[in-house]
């Protein structure tokens, strides 16, 4: 078995957070290249404006989540970068959109890329352009094994008391490479609280102001050690 943890700024130091089942979403990075035709800005009718077309594509793709996916299913479709154009007086001939799809549903992970292609194909064809689409296999969902989750809960409770072991209600749409362990051996992942409002330690993990209450490091160490001991006696001896 494998046990892992991640610092969590929304949980106060001295506590951990964990849940059964899905802990983190899956991800698929993708890239769309809109290909138009360059021309002088004074003669736009002689070109095919890739920037204009990419704006339609970007807007239309948001309907995949808002109008084609059940509100009860968690999906995030993000376009994170838009790159194109060379000069203010030139009609752009190529725009590259880079984004990422996040979901917890295997069916949606397969079907949404097909919708991205169909929507982009329809818009580009209607505006005399073409496109390339590439999607990459990202991280799978992180799914906690029940037995290993029980092990962490028991081990943490022995060291920091059960009331400081928080059962998380919802998974995270963030992704985690620990998920690969979960697909090969029984594994579980938890959040180690590092927030301390009295010390001003409240900033997001992706903020340049991020910090941790270093007292939380001890909590992580003793939880991991206790879990290792319990694992040896409860699992490996079977």
Foldseek 3Di string as FASTA:
>chain_A
DAEAEDADLVAAFLFWEFAAWFAEWFKKKKKKKKFKAKDFLVCCVVIQASVVLVVVLVVVLVCCPVPVDDPVWDKDKDFDDWDWDDDPGMRTGMIMTIIMIIGQDPVCVPPSVVVSVVSSQVSQVVRVIDMDMDMGGTGHTQGADPVLRVLLLVLLCVPSNNVRYHYDDDHYHDGDNCSVVVVPDHYTYMYQYFHDVVVPQRDDPPDPPHDGNVVSVVSVVSSVVSSVVCCVVPPVVD
